Amino acid sequence: MTPQQIQNLIVSLFKEKESFKDIGLDEDYFDLGVSSLTIVGLQIQVEEQLGVNLSTRDLMLLSTINQWVQAYTAKCEELTSA
């Protein structure tokens, strides 16, 4: 997948959740009160679609949609270049 496709996928999955309907790509979702359970649920959905895995611990250090896009793009690029 291209970086743009990864971004589109992640954004669409986040925006399906009510708590993310109006969130900006660089807004801290933990500051908005989003729970860690919601984040883990999104992680599972993203990883099923992309076929890659990141550690939940590492993802919990990321608090914006753009940070997720960057992390998953890097992981996908790492796997395709290996």
C-alpha atoms as a PDB file:
ATOM      1  CA  MET A   1       0.000   0.000   0.000  1.00  0.00           C
ATOM      2  CA  THR A   2       1.108   3.529  -0.666  1.00  0.00           C
ATOM      3  CA  PRO A   3       1.478   6.000   2.216  1.00  0.00           C
ATOM      4  CA  GLN A   4      -1.662   7.791   0.982  1.00  0.00           C
ATOM      5  CA  GLN A   5      -3.654   4.543   0.973  1.00  0.00           C
ATOM      6  CA  ILE A   6      -2.464   3.777   4.501  1.00  0.00           C
ATOM      7  CA  GLN A   7      -3.510   7.247   5.627  1.00  0.00           C
ATOM      8  CA  ASN A   8      -6.914   6.907   3.964  1.00  0.00           C
ATOM      9  CA  LEU A   9      -7.491   3.532   5.612  1.00  0.00           C
ATOM     10  CA  ILE A  10      -6.493   4.673   9.100  1.00  0.00           C
ATOM     11  CA  VAL A  11      -8.458   7.920   8.864  1.00  0.00           C
ATOM     12  CA  SER A  12     -11.565   6.098   7.646  1.00  0.00           C
ATOM     13  CA  LEU A  13     -11.393   3.561  10.486  1.00  0.00           C
ATOM     14  CA  PHE A  14     -10.909   6.289  13.098  1.00  0.00           C
ATOM     15  CA  LYS A  15     -13.727   8.405  11.664  1.00  0.00           C
ATOM     16  CA  GLU A  16     -16.163   5.467  11.948  1.00  0.00           C
ATOM     17  CA  LYS A  17     -15.980   5.897  15.738  1.00  0.00           C
ATOM     18  CA  GLU A  18     -18.226   8.576  17.217  1.00  0.00           C
ATOM     19  CA  SER A  19     -15.430   9.992  19.392  1.00  0.00           C
ATOM     20  CA  PHE A  20     -13.295  10.663  16.293  1.00  0.00           C
ATOM     21  CA  LYS A  21     -15.919  12.173  13.951  1.00  0.00           C
ATOM     22  CA  ASP A  22     -14.499  15.710  14.138  1.00  0.00           C
ATOM     23  CA  ILE A  23     -10.935  15.084  15.299  1.00  0.00           C
ATOM     24  CA  GLY A  24      -8.046  16.622  13.404  1.00  0.00           C
ATOM     25  CA  LEU A  25      -5.152  14.490  12.233  1.00  0.00           C
ATOM     26  CA  ASP A  26      -2.791  16.094  14.757  1.00  0.00           C
ATOM     27  CA  GLU A  27      -5.154  16.379  17.734  1.00  0.00           C
ATOM     28  CA  ASP A  28      -4.262  14.362  20.819  1.00  0.00           C
ATOM     29  CA  TYR A  29      -7.112  11.892  21.186  1.00  0.00           C
ATOM     30  CA  PHE A  30      -6.195  11.072  24.789  1.00  0.00           C
ATOM     31  CA  ASP A  31      -6.748  14.751  25.640  1.00  0.00           C
ATOM     32  CA  LEU A  32     -10.249  14.333  24.202  1.00  0.00           C
ATOM     33  CA  GLY A  33     -10.978  11.461  26.587  1.00  0.00           C
ATOM     34  CA  VAL A  34     -10.672   8.524  24.210  1.00  0.00           C
ATOM     35  CA  SER A  35     -10.131   5.277  26.121  1.00  0.00           C
ATOM     36  CA  SER A  36      -7.295   2.856  25.637  1.00  0.00           C
ATOM     37  CA  LEU A  37      -9.855   0.131  24.856  1.00  0.00           C
ATOM     38  CA  THR A  38     -11.054   2.166  21.878  1.00  0.00           C
ATOM     39  CA  ILE A  39      -7.462   2.505  20.715  1.00  0.00           C
ATOM     40  CA  VAL A  40      -6.822  -1.240  20.977  1.00  0.00           C
ATOM     41  CA  GLY A  41      -9.991  -1.914  18.993  1.00  0.00           C
ATOM     42  CA  LEU A  42      -8.790   0.416  16.267  1.00  0.00           C
ATOM     43  CA  GLN A  43      -5.354  -1.183  16.337  1.00  0.00           C
ATOM     44  CA  ILE A  44      -6.910  -4.575  15.650  1.00  0.00           C
ATOM     45  CA  GLN A  45      -8.928  -3.207  12.723  1.00  0.00           C
ATOM     46  CA  VAL A  46      -5.961  -1.385  11.181  1.00  0.00           C
ATOM     47  CA  GLU A  47      -3.686  -4.389  11.514  1.00  0.00           C
ATOM     48  CA  GLU A  48      -6.242  -6.762   9.986  1.00  0.00           C
ATOM     49  CA  GLN A  49      -6.517  -4.466   6.958  1.00  0.00           C
ATOM     50  CA  LEU A  50      -2.779  -3.829   6.570  1.00  0.00           C
ATOM     51  CA  GLY A  51      -1.493  -7.269   7.511  1.00  0.00           C
ATOM     52  CA  VAL A  52       1.169  -5.818   9.816  1.00  0.00           C
ATOM     53  CA  ASN A  53       1.504  -5.635  13.583  1.00  0.00           C
ATOM     54  CA  LEU A  54       2.865  -3.004  15.938  1.00  0.00           C
ATOM     55  CA  SER A  55       3.132  -3.463  19.666  1.00  0.00           C
ATOM     56  CA  THR A  56       0.230  -2.073  21.652  1.00  0.00           C
ATOM     57  CA  ARG A  57       2.730  -0.541  24.063  1.00  0.00           C
ATOM     58  CA  ASP A  58       4.344   1.433  21.240  1.00  0.00           C
ATOM     59  CA  LEU A  59       0.973   2.564  19.878  1.00  0.00           C
ATOM     60  CA  MET A  60      -0.080   3.832  23.308  1.00  0.00           C
ATOM     61  CA  LEU A  61       2.840   6.271  23.113  1.00  0.00           C
ATOM     62  CA  LEU A  62       1.292   7.726  19.954  1.00  0.00           C
ATOM     63  CA  SER A  63      -1.655  10.033  20.481  1.00  0.00           C
ATOM     64  CA  THR A  64      -2.602  11.366  17.065  1.00  0.00           C
ATOM     65  CA  ILE A  65      -3.911   9.866  13.869  1.00  0.00           C
ATOM     66  CA  ASN A  66      -0.921  11.219  11.944  1.00  0.00           C
ATOM     67  CA  GLN A  67       1.465   9.452  14.317  1.00  0.00           C
ATOM     68  CA  TRP A  68      -0.339   6.185  13.589  1.00  0.00           C
ATOM     69  CA  VAL A  69      -0.113   6.836   9.849  1.00  0.00           C
ATOM     70  CA  GLN A  70       3.632   7.423  10.149  1.00  0.00           C
ATOM     71  CA  ALA A  71       4.194   4.328  12.303  1.00  0.00           C
ATOM     72  CA  TYR A  72       2.204   1.983  10.084  1.00  0.00           C
ATOM     73  CA  THR A  73       3.697   3.460   6.895  1.00  0.00           C
ATOM     74  CA  ALA A  74       7.193   2.874   8.268  1.00  0.00           C
ATOM     75  CA  LYS A  75       6.323  -0.710   9.243  1.00  0.00           C
ATOM     76  CA  CYS A  76       4.845  -1.453   5.811  1.00  0.00           C
ATOM     77  CA  GLU A  77       7.873   0.040   4.076  1.00  0.00           C
ATOM     78  CA  GLU A  78      10.186  -1.971   6.336  1.00  0.00           C
ATOM     79  CA  LEU A  79       8.427  -5.204   5.425  1.00  0.00           C
ATOM     80  CA  THR A  80       8.395  -4.507   1.682  1.00  0.00           C
ATOM     81  CA  SER A  81      12.089  -3.615   1.589  1.00  0.00           C
ATOM     82  CA  ALA A  82      13.172  -6.704   3.545  1.00  0.00           C
END
